[in-house]
């Protein structure tokens, strides 16, 4: 938690919260992984210190591949020491490929249309709409047809952003909301409210046609 708070306060634009995801939120985000059949290819984008990563690792079986993409070198170090290294020492590592990439999702070489599940923890409401569109397009590109993308936002975050932002900031929030509505309609999207998190969150699932 201390590591998370330290990085979060220095990088609020890209971290987006001061509390890691709760177990209930982590399970909701990893839902498509639990439902998919092995062998599975799973991608996590923006894991932070790894609460959702732990949940995904728990679900993996022999034959699965798990790629993790994290921009922060500090979070990558924390993930390697506190999440991946202990997991690799366990018996469940056999027959499972796990790779951590310290980079932006747009810069990682990933095979298109090859992942069964993409799980994203990035704070889109903190980003400019052009960046949100770029990241979303990239994540959907690497999903296979029928694969699912999950991501979340905090309840009331857009309302708060509109209140504290200038005109350009409010326009950006509105553009993100329009993009989300469009994606929900074109990708059989669903929403789930998770109250057992601080702050409460809304998990969105998109299925690639």
Protein backbone atom coordinates (compact mmCIF):
# COMPACT_ATOMS: atom_id res chain seq x y z
CA UNK A 1 0.00 0.00 0.00
CA UNK A 2 2.85 2.42 0.82
CA UNK A 3 4.40 1.79 -2.60
CA UNK A 4 1.03 2.35 -4.28
CA UNK A 5 0.39 5.63 -2.43
CA UNK A 6 3.88 6.91 -3.19
CA UNK A 7 3.53 6.36 -6.93
CA UNK A 8 -0.12 7.43 -7.01
CA UNK A 9 0.51 10.83 -5.46
CA UNK A 10 3.35 11.51 -7.92
CA UNK A 11 1.41 10.27 -10.95
CA UNK A 12 -2.27 10.97 -10.32
CA UNK A 13 -2.95 11.59 -14.01
CA UNK A 14 -1.98 8.02 -14.96
CA UNK A 15 -2.66 6.13 -11.72
CA UNK A 16 -6.08 7.66 -11.09
CA UNK A 17 -6.69 6.45 -7.52
CA UNK A 18 -5.05 6.17 -4.13
CA UNK A 19 -6.49 2.75 -3.24
CA UNK A 20 -5.86 -0.58 -5.03
CA UNK A 21 -8.87 -2.45 -6.41
CA UNK A 22 -10.86 -4.50 -3.88
CA UNK A 23 -11.17 -8.30 -4.20
CA UNK A 24 -14.77 -7.89 -5.42
CA UNK A 25 -13.74 -5.42 -8.14
CA UNK A 26 -10.77 -7.62 -9.07
CA UNK A 27 -13.04 -10.64 -9.53
CA UNK A 28 -15.49 -8.62 -11.62
CA UNK A 29 -12.72 -7.41 -13.93
CA UNK A 30 -11.31 -10.93 -14.26
CA UNK A 31 -14.76 -12.42 -14.92
CA UNK A 32 -14.17 -13.16 -18.63
CA UNK A 33 -10.92 -14.97 -17.74
CA UNK A 34 -12.79 -17.24 -15.34
CA UNK A 35 -15.43 -17.93 -17.99
CA UNK A 36 -13.07 -18.62 -20.92
CA UNK A 37 -11.78 -22.10 -21.62
CA UNK A 38 -8.11 -22.99 -21.61
CA UNK A 39 -5.81 -22.62 -23.39
CA UNK A 40 -6.40 -18.89 -22.96
CA UNK A 41 -4.43 -15.82 -23.94
CA UNK A 42 -4.94 -13.00 -21.45
CA UNK A 43 -3.69 -9.42 -21.52
CA UNK A 44 -3.76 -7.03 -18.56
CA UNK A 45 -3.13 -3.32 -19.18
CA UNK A 46 -2.34 -0.97 -16.30
CA UNK A 47 -2.16 -3.44 -13.39
CA UNK A 48 -0.68 -1.02 -10.85
CA UNK A 49 0.53 -3.05 -7.85
CA UNK A 50 -1.36 -6.11 -9.02
CA UNK A 51 -4.62 -6.84 -7.15
CA UNK A 52 -6.30 -7.88 -10.42
CA UNK A 53 -3.09 -9.56 -11.57
CA UNK A 54 -3.24 -11.85 -8.53
CA UNK A 55 -6.82 -12.79 -9.35
CA UNK A 56 -5.91 -13.59 -12.97
CA UNK A 57 -2.88 -15.65 -11.93
CA UNK A 58 -5.11 -17.66 -9.61
CA UNK A 59 -7.31 -18.59 -12.59
CA UNK A 60 -4.57 -19.63 -15.02
CA UNK A 61 -4.11 -23.25 -16.07
CA UNK A 62 -1.47 -25.16 -18.07
CA UNK A 63 -1.42 -23.95 -21.67
CA UNK A 64 -2.44 -20.37 -20.84
CA UNK A 65 -0.42 -17.25 -21.69
CA UNK A 66 -0.63 -14.04 -19.68
CA UNK A 67 0.89 -10.74 -20.85
CA UNK A 68 1.01 -7.79 -18.45
CA UNK A 69 1.63 -4.23 -19.71
CA UNK A 70 2.56 -1.54 -17.18
CA UNK A 71 4.04 1.88 -17.99
CA UNK A 72 5.46 2.68 -14.52
CA UNK A 73 8.92 1.19 -13.82
CA UNK A 74 8.16 1.39 -10.09
CA UNK A 75 4.96 -0.60 -10.40
CA UNK A 76 6.77 -3.12 -12.64
CA UNK A 77 9.38 -3.62 -9.94
CA UNK A 78 6.68 -4.03 -7.33
CA UNK A 79 4.79 -6.51 -9.50
CA UNK A 80 7.88 -8.58 -10.12
CA UNK A 81 8.93 -8.70 -6.46
CA UNK A 82 5.59 -9.04 -4.70
CA UNK A 83 3.31 -10.75 -7.22
CA UNK A 84 5.13 -12.59 -9.99
CA UNK A 85 8.19 -13.89 -8.11
CA UNK A 86 6.11 -15.52 -5.34
CA UNK A 87 3.75 -16.96 -7.95
CA UNK A 88 6.63 -18.40 -9.98
CA UNK A 89 7.89 -20.21 -6.90
CA UNK A 90 4.58 -22.03 -6.67
CA UNK A 91 3.57 -25.22 -8.45
CA UNK A 92 0.89 -23.48 -10.49
CA UNK A 93 3.53 -21.94 -12.78
CA UNK A 94 4.00 -25.16 -14.73
CA UNK A 95 2.77 -24.92 -18.32
CA UNK A 96 1.80 -21.24 -18.04
CA UNK A 97 3.63 -18.40 -19.83
CA UNK A 98 3.69 -15.03 -18.07
CA UNK A 99 5.50 -11.94 -19.37
CA UNK A 100 5.67 -8.43 -17.90
CA UNK A 101 6.17 -5.55 -20.38
CA UNK A 102 7.36 -2.17 -19.05
CA UNK A 103 5.88 0.02 -21.79
CA UNK A 104 2.78 1.78 -23.07
CA UNK A 105 0.23 -0.57 -24.63
CA UNK A 106 0.61 1.22 -27.98
CA UNK A 107 4.34 0.36 -28.03
CA UNK A 108 4.22 -3.35 -27.14
CA UNK A 109 4.50 -5.87 -29.98
CA UNK A 110 1.41 -8.07 -29.55
CA UNK A 111 -0.24 -10.35 -32.09
CA UNK A 112 -3.51 -8.91 -33.35
CA UNK A 113 -6.79 -10.79 -32.91
CA UNK A 114 -5.12 -13.33 -30.62
CA UNK A 115 -6.28 -12.63 -27.04
CA UNK A 116 -9.32 -14.18 -25.43
CA UNK A 117 -9.49 -11.57 -22.67
CA UNK A 118 -8.15 -8.06 -22.13
CA UNK A 119 -8.41 -6.57 -18.64
CA UNK A 120 -7.71 -2.85 -18.27
CA UNK A 121 -7.14 -0.80 -15.13
CA UNK A 122 -6.26 2.53 -16.77
CA UNK A 123 -8.01 5.71 -15.55
CA UNK A 124 -9.56 6.81 -18.84
CA UNK A 125 -11.37 9.76 -17.28
CA UNK A 126 -7.93 11.29 -16.60
CA UNK A 127 -6.83 11.03 -20.24
CA UNK A 128 -7.37 13.16 -23.32
CA UNK A 129 -9.95 11.68 -25.69
CA UNK A 130 -7.35 11.06 -28.41
CA UNK A 131 -5.33 8.87 -26.04
CA UNK A 132 -8.43 7.01 -24.88
CA UNK A 133 -9.38 6.28 -28.49
CA UNK A 134 -5.84 5.07 -29.27
CA UNK A 135 -5.68 2.74 -26.26
CA UNK A 136 -9.17 1.36 -26.80
CA UNK A 137 -8.48 0.71 -30.47
CA UNK A 138 -5.26 -1.10 -29.62
CA UNK A 139 -6.89 -3.31 -26.99
CA UNK A 140 -9.78 -4.20 -29.27
CA UNK A 141 -7.36 -4.93 -32.13
CA UNK A 142 -5.55 -7.61 -30.14
CA UNK A 143 -8.81 -9.31 -29.08
CA UNK A 144 -9.88 -12.30 -31.11
CA UNK A 145 -13.48 -12.30 -32.44
CA UNK A 146 -15.70 -13.20 -29.51
CA UNK A 147 -13.07 -12.11 -26.99
CA UNK A 148 -13.92 -9.73 -24.16
CA UNK A 149 -12.46 -6.49 -22.81
CA UNK A 150 -13.20 -5.36 -19.26
CA UNK A 151 -12.40 -1.99 -17.75
CA UNK A 152 -13.81 0.20 -14.99
CA UNK A 153 -14.43 3.73 -13.82
CA UNK A 154 -15.38 5.14 -10.46
CA UNK A 155 -19.01 6.05 -9.91
CA UNK A 156 -19.52 9.79 -10.16
CA UNK A 157 -16.05 10.41 -11.60
CA UNK A 158 -17.35 12.11 -14.73
CA UNK A 159 -19.68 14.36 -12.72
CA UNK A 160 -16.78 15.44 -10.52
CA UNK A 161 -14.60 16.07 -13.57
CA UNK A 162 -17.28 18.24 -15.15
CA UNK A 163 -17.61 20.25 -11.94
CA UNK A 164 -13.90 21.01 -11.51
CA UNK A 165 -12.91 21.33 -15.19
CA UNK A 166 -12.94 24.26 -17.58
CA UNK A 167 -14.83 24.18 -20.88
CA UNK A 168 -12.20 22.10 -22.67
CA UNK A 169 -12.08 19.64 -19.78
CA UNK A 170 -15.86 19.22 -19.80
CA UNK A 171 -15.80 18.70 -23.56
CA UNK A 172 -13.19 15.98 -23.05
CA UNK A 173 -15.33 14.20 -20.46
CA UNK A 174 -18.33 14.37 -22.80
CA UNK A 175 -16.24 12.94 -25.65
CA UNK A 176 -15.13 10.01 -23.49
CA UNK A 177 -18.74 9.36 -22.51
CA UNK A 178 -19.82 9.37 -26.17
CA UNK A 179 -17.04 6.94 -27.05
CA UNK A 180 -18.09 4.60 -24.25
CA UNK A 181 -21.71 4.67 -25.39
CA UNK A 182 -20.67 3.93 -28.97
CA UNK A 183 -18.51 1.00 -27.87
CA UNK A 184 -21.25 -0.35 -25.62
CA UNK A 185 -23.67 -0.41 -28.54
CA UNK A 186 -21.24 -1.87 -31.09
CA UNK A 187 -19.70 -4.50 -28.76
CA UNK A 188 -22.72 -5.92 -26.90
CA UNK A 189 -21.59 -4.01 -23.84
CA UNK A 190 -22.73 -4.63 -20.28
CA UNK A 191 -22.29 -2.67 -17.03
CA UNK A 192 -21.98 -3.91 -13.45
CA UNK A 193 -21.94 -1.70 -10.36
CA UNK A 194 -19.43 -2.77 -7.70
CA UNK A 195 -20.23 -1.11 -4.38
CA UNK A 196 -17.65 -3.13 -2.41
CA UNK A 197 -14.76 -0.94 -3.49
CA UNK A 198 -13.39 2.46 -2.49
CA UNK A 199 -14.65 4.38 -4.32
CA UNK A 200 -17.54 2.29 -5.74
CA UNK A 201 -16.97 1.44 -9.38
CA UNK A 202 -18.72 0.49 -12.61
CA UNK A 203 -17.23 -2.42 -14.58
CA UNK A 204 -17.85 -2.46 -18.32
CA UNK A 205 -17.54 -5.54 -20.53
CA UNK A 206 -17.19 -5.33 -24.30
CA UNK A 207 -17.33 -8.36 -26.62
CA UNK A 208 -15.54 -8.13 -29.98
CA UNK A 209 -17.89 -8.98 -32.86
